[in-house]
């Protein structure tokens, strides 16, 4: 079992920044990927960004490319999502996911992740 706890959400204005954190614990051994997804009212959970074990490989959805940065600190068992130039369209509950895998195949699919945190709300006002 792997436990994930997100934090860092809040209410901000358009153009502001936030940094989300996801602390993982438990049997997080072996090569894995961690991803950030988001879910807005009436919409399915969508991929935001993912990072491979060791932090050397990252991938982003097009709408956040250049504005968001995913990073990891293995000593702290924490993955971050730095979100800059936030837009009202970024408003959603943000979830952290964990999957055991070496390959990046399906890394953008929520169904490929085995463990999830409880989510943290991000609200961006215009």
Foldseek 3Di string as FASTA:
>chain_A
DKAKAKDWADEEAAQAKIKMKIAMDDPPDAKKKKFKWWDDPPDDIWGAKMATPPRPDMDGDPVQVPFWDWGDDVVRNMIMIIGGRDDQVPWTWMKMFMAHDDDCPCVGPPVRTDDIYPTDTHGYHD
